[in-house]
Amino acid sequence: MTNTRGLAVVTGASSGIGAATARHLADAGFSVWACARRLDRLEEVASHFSEITAVELDVTSAESVAALAARVPLAPDGLALLVNNAGGAVGLDPVATAKPEDWLSMYETNVLGAMRVTQALLPALEAGSGGHIVLTGSIAGYSVYEGGAGYTAAKHGARALMETLRLELNGKPIRVSEVAPGMVATEEFSLVRFGGDAERAAAVYKGVDAPLSADDVADLITFVATRPAHVNIDLSIIKPVAQAAAYKIARS
């Protein structure tokens, strides 16, 4: 498809929701920079789409983020969309035994990573006729559950970041949105959370009728990003029918 919507930068795009979002945005007419640390995985995502470019990025590194920003054109037809998708969960320990390093890791990616990339790319977003920042948040930013304090704290922080940014950018032609998924069955989220324990990761989805897929979330992100320029969808929460809350899931 011809690039008709401008440049979109997607972080955490080497797998899961990020990779699916890069593909959906390309189909919707964006020229997409798929960004993440694993360049080989990004190149695989980009290999089937001429509209997708693989860009190595570590959102926890100020130098890496600055290098990305230096490549983004400051022009009216430059950056149209930033999808802050990089993040993830580490562990499921109760507060009493939680590891501070796990919490720091989650805060570094989910909150500070989004802050770094947003700061660095705001000039390019402001240079255009109207930019858009979309956060891939989580229902964990709106509720809590046992064992999830570290992750929910990080997602609450990311939510606060975006809601504050929305206030601070009021009056400028930049939209700020959050898409907050519930249970999504991707190839890596739970596997990473449980340190590569495949059995424990699979148990998260056991007996759940049709958890969300990465494509379900990417489809909603693309919908939010393709509304008319005067329309801002502040928040969209998406969950599978089987999930009523973060801690209430119907299982067979």
Protein backbone atom coordinates (compact mmCIF):
# COMPACT_ATOMS: atom_id res chain seq x y z
CA MET A 1 0.00 0.00 0.00
CA THR A 2 1.18 3.55 -0.75
CA ASN A 3 2.30 5.55 2.28
CA THR A 4 -0.58 7.98 2.78
CA ARG A 5 -0.53 8.55 6.53
CA GLY A 6 3.10 9.44 7.25
CA LEU A 7 5.72 7.85 9.47
CA ALA A 8 4.83 5.68 12.47
CA VAL A 9 7.42 4.61 15.06
CA VAL A 10 6.54 1.46 17.02
CA THR A 11 8.70 0.41 19.98
CA GLY A 12 8.92 -3.17 21.22
CA ALA A 13 8.13 -4.31 17.69
CA SER A 14 10.19 -7.49 17.48
CA SER A 15 7.34 -9.77 18.61
CA GLY A 16 3.82 -9.92 19.99
CA ILE A 17 1.64 -6.82 20.00
CA GLY A 18 4.43 -4.58 18.68
CA ALA A 19 5.14 -6.73 15.63
CA ALA A 20 1.42 -7.10 14.91
CA THR A 21 0.94 -3.34 15.25
CA ALA A 22 3.74 -2.65 12.78
CA ARG A 23 2.03 -4.93 10.25
CA HIS A 24 -1.45 -3.49 10.81
CA LEU A 25 -0.20 0.10 10.52
CA ALA A 26 1.64 -0.74 7.31
CA ASP A 27 -1.58 -2.17 5.89
CA ALA A 28 -3.37 1.02 6.95
CA GLY A 29 -1.05 3.24 4.92
CA PHE A 30 1.70 4.22 7.36
CA SER A 31 5.40 4.01 6.68
CA VAL A 32 6.54 2.12 9.79
CA TRP A 33 9.78 2.04 11.72
CA ALA A 34 9.66 -1.18 13.75
CA CYS A 35 11.98 -0.61 16.71
CA ALA A 36 13.42 -3.00 19.31
CA ARG A 37 16.70 -4.45 20.55
CA ARG A 38 16.59 -7.67 18.51
CA LEU A 39 17.41 -6.53 14.99
CA ASP A 40 17.18 -10.04 13.55
CA ARG A 41 13.58 -10.39 14.73
CA LEU A 42 12.74 -6.93 13.41
CA GLU A 43 14.15 -7.79 10.00
CA GLU A 44 11.89 -10.84 9.92
CA VAL A 45 8.87 -8.63 10.69
CA ALA A 46 9.93 -6.18 7.98
CA SER A 47 10.77 -8.82 5.36
CA HIS A 48 7.16 -9.17 4.20
CA PHE A 49 6.35 -5.44 4.06
CA SER A 50 8.08 -2.81 1.95
CA GLU A 51 6.51 -0.18 4.24
CA ILE A 52 8.31 -1.48 7.37
CA THR A 53 11.90 -0.59 8.26
CA ALA A 54 13.76 -2.41 11.04
CA VAL A 55 15.42 0.01 13.48
CA GLU A 56 17.51 -1.15 16.43
CA LEU A 57 16.43 0.56 19.66
CA ASP A 58 16.88 0.05 23.39
CA VAL A 59 14.35 2.22 25.22
CA THR A 60 16.36 1.90 28.44
CA SER A 61 19.37 3.59 26.81
CA ALA A 62 19.42 7.39 26.44
CA GLU A 63 22.06 7.07 23.73
CA SER A 64 20.00 4.60 21.70
CA VAL A 65 16.89 6.78 21.96
CA ALA A 66 18.87 9.88 20.94
CA ALA A 67 20.19 8.02 17.89
CA LEU A 68 16.62 7.18 16.88
CA ALA A 69 15.49 10.78 17.31
CA ALA A 70 18.37 12.02 15.15
CA ARG A 71 17.03 9.93 12.26
CA VAL A 72 13.44 11.17 12.46
CA PRO A 73 12.69 13.96 9.97
CA LEU A 74 11.58 17.34 11.35
CA ALA A 75 9.15 18.19 8.59
CA PRO A 76 5.39 18.66 8.08
CA ASP A 77 5.25 15.22 6.49
CA GLY A 78 7.58 13.69 9.07
CA LEU A 79 6.55 11.78 12.19
CA ALA A 80 2.80 11.20 12.42
CA LEU A 81 2.53 8.50 15.09
CA LEU A 82 4.48 7.10 18.03
CA VAL A 83 3.32 3.82 19.56
CA ASN A 84 4.97 3.34 22.95
CA ASN A 85 4.63 -0.42 23.11
CA ALA A 86 7.90 -1.57 24.71
CA GLY A 87 7.38 -3.01 28.18
CA GLY A 88 6.57 -6.27 29.87
CA ALA A 89 6.31 -8.06 33.20
CA VAL A 90 8.92 -9.82 35.32
CA GLY A 91 7.88 -12.30 38.00
CA LEU A 92 4.71 -12.83 39.99
CA ASP A 93 6.06 -12.54 43.52
CA PRO A 94 4.09 -11.14 46.46
CA VAL A 95 5.29 -7.87 47.94
CA ALA A 96 6.82 -9.73 50.89
CA THR A 97 9.35 -11.54 48.69
CA ALA A 98 9.53 -9.32 45.59
CA LYS A 99 12.93 -8.64 44.07
CA PRO A 100 13.73 -4.91 43.77
CA GLU A 101 15.71 -5.55 40.59
CA ASP A 102 12.59 -7.01 38.93
CA TRP A 103 10.56 -3.94 39.85
CA LEU A 104 13.33 -1.65 38.59
CA SER A 105 13.45 -3.54 35.29
CA MET A 106 9.70 -3.16 34.78
CA TYR A 107 9.73 0.54 35.68
CA GLU A 108 12.71 1.12 33.38
CA THR A 109 10.97 -0.28 30.32
CA ASN A 110 7.28 0.44 30.91
CA VAL A 111 7.59 3.96 32.33
CA LEU A 112 11.02 5.49 31.76
CA GLY A 113 11.30 3.90 28.33
CA ALA A 114 8.04 5.51 27.24
CA MET A 115 9.13 8.81 28.78
CA ARG A 116 12.53 8.77 27.01
CA VAL A 117 11.11 8.02 23.57
CA THR A 118 8.27 10.50 23.97
CA GLN A 119 10.63 13.28 25.05
CA ALA A 120 12.99 12.57 22.19
CA LEU A 121 10.32 12.46 19.47
CA LEU A 122 8.04 15.27 20.64
CA PRO A 123 9.85 17.87 18.47
CA ALA A 124 9.22 15.74 15.38
CA LEU A 125 5.58 15.20 16.34
CA GLU A 126 5.12 18.95 16.90
CA ALA A 127 6.76 19.78 13.58
CA GLY A 128 3.98 18.08 11.65
CA SER A 129 0.43 19.17 11.08
CA GLY A 130 -0.78 16.82 13.80
CA GLY A 131 0.95 14.00 15.66
CA HIS A 132 -0.33 11.16 17.80
CA ILE A 133 1.13 9.21 20.74
CA VAL A 134 -0.43 5.86 21.62
CA LEU A 135 0.57 3.87 24.69
CA THR A 136 0.09 0.13 24.84
CA GLY A 137 -0.95 0.05 28.46
CA SER A 138 -2.77 -2.68 30.35
CA ILE A 139 -5.78 -3.28 32.55
CA ALA A 140 -3.03 -3.69 35.15
CA GLY A 141 -2.85 0.10 35.08
CA TYR A 142 -6.41 0.29 36.36
CA SER A 143 -6.60 -2.53 38.91
CA VAL A 144 -4.39 -4.76 41.04
CA TYR A 145 -4.09 -8.48 41.72
CA GLU A 146 -2.12 -10.68 44.09
CA GLY A 147 1.47 -11.17 42.99
CA GLY A 148 1.23 -8.37 40.46
CA ALA A 149 2.29 -5.35 42.52
CA GLY A 150 5.48 -4.67 40.56
CA TYR A 151 3.81 -4.87 37.16
CA THR A 152 0.65 -3.03 38.16
CA ALA A 153 2.74 -0.28 39.76
CA ALA A 154 4.66 0.12 36.50
CA LYS A 155 1.50 0.15 34.39
CA HIS A 156 -0.18 2.62 36.75
CA GLY A 157 2.93 4.77 36.27
CA ALA A 158 2.76 4.54 32.49
CA ARG A 159 -0.92 5.46 32.63
CA ALA A 160 -0.14 8.52 34.78
CA LEU A 161 2.57 9.53 32.32
CA MET A 162 0.17 9.52 29.38
CA GLU A 163 -2.70 11.20 31.23
CA THR A 164 -0.37 13.98 32.39
CA LEU A 165 1.05 14.38 28.90
CA ARG A 166 -2.48 14.77 27.54
CA LEU A 167 -2.95 17.76 29.88
CA GLU A 168 0.43 19.27 29.09
CA LEU A 169 -0.09 19.07 25.31
CA ASN A 170 -3.57 20.57 25.40
CA GLY A 171 -3.78 23.30 22.76
CA LYS A 172 -1.25 21.60 20.49
CA PRO A 173 -2.26 19.39 17.55
CA ILE A 174 -0.99 16.22 19.22
CA ARG A 175 -3.31 13.44 20.30
CA VAL A 176 -2.53 11.17 23.27
CA SER A 177 -4.24 7.78 23.65
CA GLU A 178 -3.95 4.56 25.59
CA VAL A 179 -5.01 1.09 24.52
CA ALA A 180 -5.21 -1.13 27.61
CA PRO A 181 -5.47 -4.87 26.91
CA GLY A 182 -6.46 -7.62 29.27
CA MET A 183 -5.31 -11.21 28.73
CA VAL A 184 -3.39 -11.50 25.46
CA ALA A 185 -1.83 -14.82 24.44
CA THR A 186 1.45 -13.90 22.74
CA GLU A 187 4.50 -16.06 22.21
CA GLU A 188 6.69 -14.28 24.75
CA PHE A 189 4.89 -12.19 27.41
CA SER A 190 4.29 -14.91 30.01
CA LEU A 191 7.42 -16.81 28.99
CA VAL A 192 9.52 -13.75 29.80
CA ARG A 193 7.57 -13.08 32.98
CA PHE A 194 8.37 -16.54 34.30
CA GLY A 195 12.02 -16.62 33.24
CA GLY A 196 11.55 -19.05 30.37
CA ASP A 197 9.42 -21.55 32.33
CA ALA A 198 7.22 -22.75 29.45
CA GLU A 199 4.95 -24.89 31.64
CA ARG A 200 4.18 -22.03 34.01
CA ALA A 201 3.67 -19.65 31.09
CA ALA A 202 1.22 -22.02 29.38
CA ALA A 203 -0.77 -22.39 32.61
CA VAL A 204 -1.70 -18.68 32.44
CA TYR A 205 -3.98 -19.41 29.47
CA LYS A 206 -5.08 -22.93 30.42
CA GLY A 207 -8.82 -23.43 30.09
CA VAL A 208 -9.44 -19.89 28.83
CA ASP A 209 -11.75 -19.80 25.84
CA ALA A 210 -10.17 -17.51 23.22
CA PRO A 211 -7.85 -15.06 24.98
CA LEU A 212 -7.00 -12.01 22.92
CA SER A 213 -4.38 -12.29 20.18
CA ALA A 214 -1.72 -9.74 19.32
CA ASP A 215 -3.67 -8.99 16.15
CA ASP A 216 -6.79 -8.14 18.17
CA VAL A 217 -4.88 -5.46 20.06
CA ALA A 218 -3.03 -4.22 16.97
CA ASP A 219 -6.35 -3.84 15.17
CA LEU A 220 -7.63 -1.58 17.96
CA ILE A 221 -4.41 0.46 18.07
CA THR A 222 -4.72 1.01 14.33
CA PHE A 223 -8.36 2.03 14.68
CA VAL A 224 -7.45 4.58 17.37
CA ALA A 225 -4.59 5.90 15.24
CA THR A 226 -6.68 6.34 12.10
CA ARG A 227 -9.54 8.44 13.47
CA PRO A 228 -9.91 11.99 12.05
CA ALA A 229 -7.32 14.45 13.36
CA HIS A 230 -9.84 16.24 15.59
CA VAL A 231 -10.85 13.01 17.36
CA ASN A 232 -8.86 11.82 20.40
CA ILE A 233 -9.75 8.44 21.86
CA ASP A 234 -8.26 8.86 25.32
CA LEU A 235 -8.65 5.27 26.50
CA SER A 236 -9.72 1.95 25.00
CA ILE A 237 -9.87 -1.14 27.22
CA ILE A 238 -9.99 -4.48 25.41
CA LYS A 239 -10.48 -7.86 27.08
CA PRO A 240 -11.56 -11.31 25.96
CA VAL A 241 -15.14 -12.26 26.81
CA ALA A 242 -13.79 -14.82 29.28
CA GLN A 243 -12.14 -12.10 31.36
CA ALA A 244 -14.24 -9.87 33.62
CA ALA A 245 -11.27 -8.39 35.51
CA ALA A 246 -7.53 -8.90 35.84
CA TYR A 247 -8.19 -11.45 38.59
CA LYS A 248 -11.52 -12.92 37.36
CA ILE A 249 -11.24 -15.22 34.36
CA ALA A 250 -13.61 -18.00 33.33
CA ARG A 251 -11.81 -21.29 32.78
CA SER A 252 -13.16 -24.63 31.62
